[in-house]
Protein backbone atom coordinates (compact mmCIF):
# COMPACT_ATOMS: atom_id res chain seq x y z
CA TYR A 1 2.24 -1.90 10.56
CA ALA A 2 4.90 -1.74 13.44
CA PRO A 3 8.03 -1.43 11.64
CA TYR A 4 7.26 1.92 10.15
CA LYS A 5 7.84 5.12 11.54
CA GLN A 6 6.36 7.39 8.99
CA VAL A 7 3.75 7.72 7.16
CA ILE A 8 3.99 9.57 3.56
CA ALA A 9 1.70 10.97 1.54
CA TYR A 10 2.59 10.98 -2.36
CA LYS A 11 0.09 13.23 -4.09
CA ALA A 12 -2.78 12.33 -2.00
CA PRO A 13 -3.71 15.25 0.43
CA SER A 14 -6.18 13.42 3.03
CA PHE A 15 -7.46 15.02 6.28
CA THR A 16 -8.48 11.40 7.20
CA LEU A 17 -4.92 10.35 7.24
CA ASP A 18 -3.98 13.45 9.21
CA PHE A 19 -6.49 12.82 11.64
CA TYR A 20 -6.08 8.94 12.15
CA ALA A 21 -2.06 8.31 11.56
CA PRO A 22 -0.34 7.56 14.43
CA GLY A 23 1.95 10.68 13.82
CA GLU A 24 2.63 13.51 11.80
CA VAL A 25 1.51 12.95 7.63
CA LYS A 26 4.28 14.19 5.33
CA TYR A 27 3.08 15.21 1.89
CA VAL A 28 5.15 14.66 -0.92
CA ASP A 29 4.20 15.55 -4.74
CA SER A 30 7.47 14.25 -6.75
CA ILE A 31 9.17 11.25 -7.56
CA SER A 32 12.49 13.14 -6.79
CA LYS A 33 11.46 14.48 -3.10
CA LEU A 34 10.09 10.71 -2.93
CA LYS A 35 13.49 9.63 -3.29
CA GLN A 36 14.79 11.30 -0.34
CA HIS A 37 12.92 9.21 2.29
CA ASP A 38 14.47 6.19 3.75
CA PHE A 39 11.81 3.94 2.18
CA SER A 40 12.44 0.84 5.15
CA SER A 41 10.69 3.03 7.41
CA CYS A 42 8.11 4.62 5.72
CA LEU A 43 4.60 3.67 4.43
CA PHE A 44 3.30 5.39 1.42
CA PHE A 45 -0.31 6.59 1.01
CA ILE A 46 -0.81 7.08 -2.74
CA PRO A 47 -3.82 7.34 -5.37
CA GLU A 48 -4.84 4.84 -7.91
CA GLU A 49 -3.78 6.86 -10.55
CA GLU A 50 0.18 7.13 -9.16
CA LEU A 51 0.69 3.32 -8.72
CA PRO A 52 1.84 2.56 -12.34
CA ALA A 53 4.67 5.50 -12.25
CA LEU A 54 5.92 4.18 -8.86
CA LYS A 55 5.84 0.67 -9.79
CA GLU A 56 8.16 1.92 -12.75
CA THR A 57 10.56 3.55 -10.44
CA PHE A 58 10.43 1.68 -7.13
CA GLN A 59 9.93 -1.81 -6.08
CA ILE A 60 7.14 -1.82 -4.31
CA LYS A 61 4.99 -3.86 -2.53
CA VAL A 62 1.18 -3.52 -1.69
CA LEU A 63 0.20 -3.74 2.11
CA GLU A 64 -3.46 -2.56 2.12
CA HIS A 65 -6.12 -0.47 -0.64
CA PHE A 66 -8.79 2.04 0.36
CA GLU A 67 -12.14 2.51 -1.14
CA HIS A 68 -12.37 6.42 -0.13
CA TYR A 69 -15.32 9.52 -0.37
CA HIS A 70 -14.85 12.58 1.17
CA ILE A 71 -17.83 12.32 3.20
CA THR A 72 -18.70 16.30 3.61
CA LYS A 73 -19.26 16.39 0.21
CA LEU A 74 -22.42 14.04 -0.55
CA THR A 75 -23.46 13.51 -4.37
CA LEU A 76 -26.65 11.70 -5.30
CA ASN A 77 -24.31 9.51 -7.26
CA PHE A 78 -23.01 8.44 -3.81
CA LEU A 79 -26.43 8.32 -2.23
CA ASN A 80 -27.49 6.00 -4.79
CA TYR A 81 -26.09 2.07 -3.64
CA LYS A 82 -26.41 1.23 -7.50
CA THR A 83 -24.14 4.04 -8.53
CA ARG A 84 -21.90 4.32 -5.31
CA PRO A 85 -18.65 2.47 -7.00
CA SER A 86 -18.74 5.13 -9.27
CA SER A 87 -18.10 7.61 -6.85
CA LEU A 88 -15.36 5.88 -4.55
CA SER A 89 -11.81 6.90 -5.78
CA THR A 90 -9.03 4.33 -4.48
CA PHE A 91 -5.55 4.58 -2.26
CA TYR A 92 -3.26 2.61 -1.20
CA LEU A 93 -0.61 1.73 1.56
CA VAL A 94 2.56 0.72 0.03
CA GLY A 95 5.54 -0.23 1.25
CA ILE A 96 8.54 0.70 -0.86
CA GLN A 97 11.89 -1.81 -1.12
């Protein structure tokens, strides 16, 4: 995603994102603060439950989606392959147009 210069996480704290992102990740917790950014140069990392609210406010393009589990907090649900999907949460990488 070369044209993007900044990653902004919207209501999505993520140590993994901090570690692997090519630069500093900014964290935003409200739509009003989100509107203060230059959308053309930013990628937005958001949890699945926030996607409908963003779609109501902005025209967005979903670029990727990721299944996530905080691996340092193992549970039997996650370890059992039959119940693992119920333990995962989904996050999206989106562009706002």
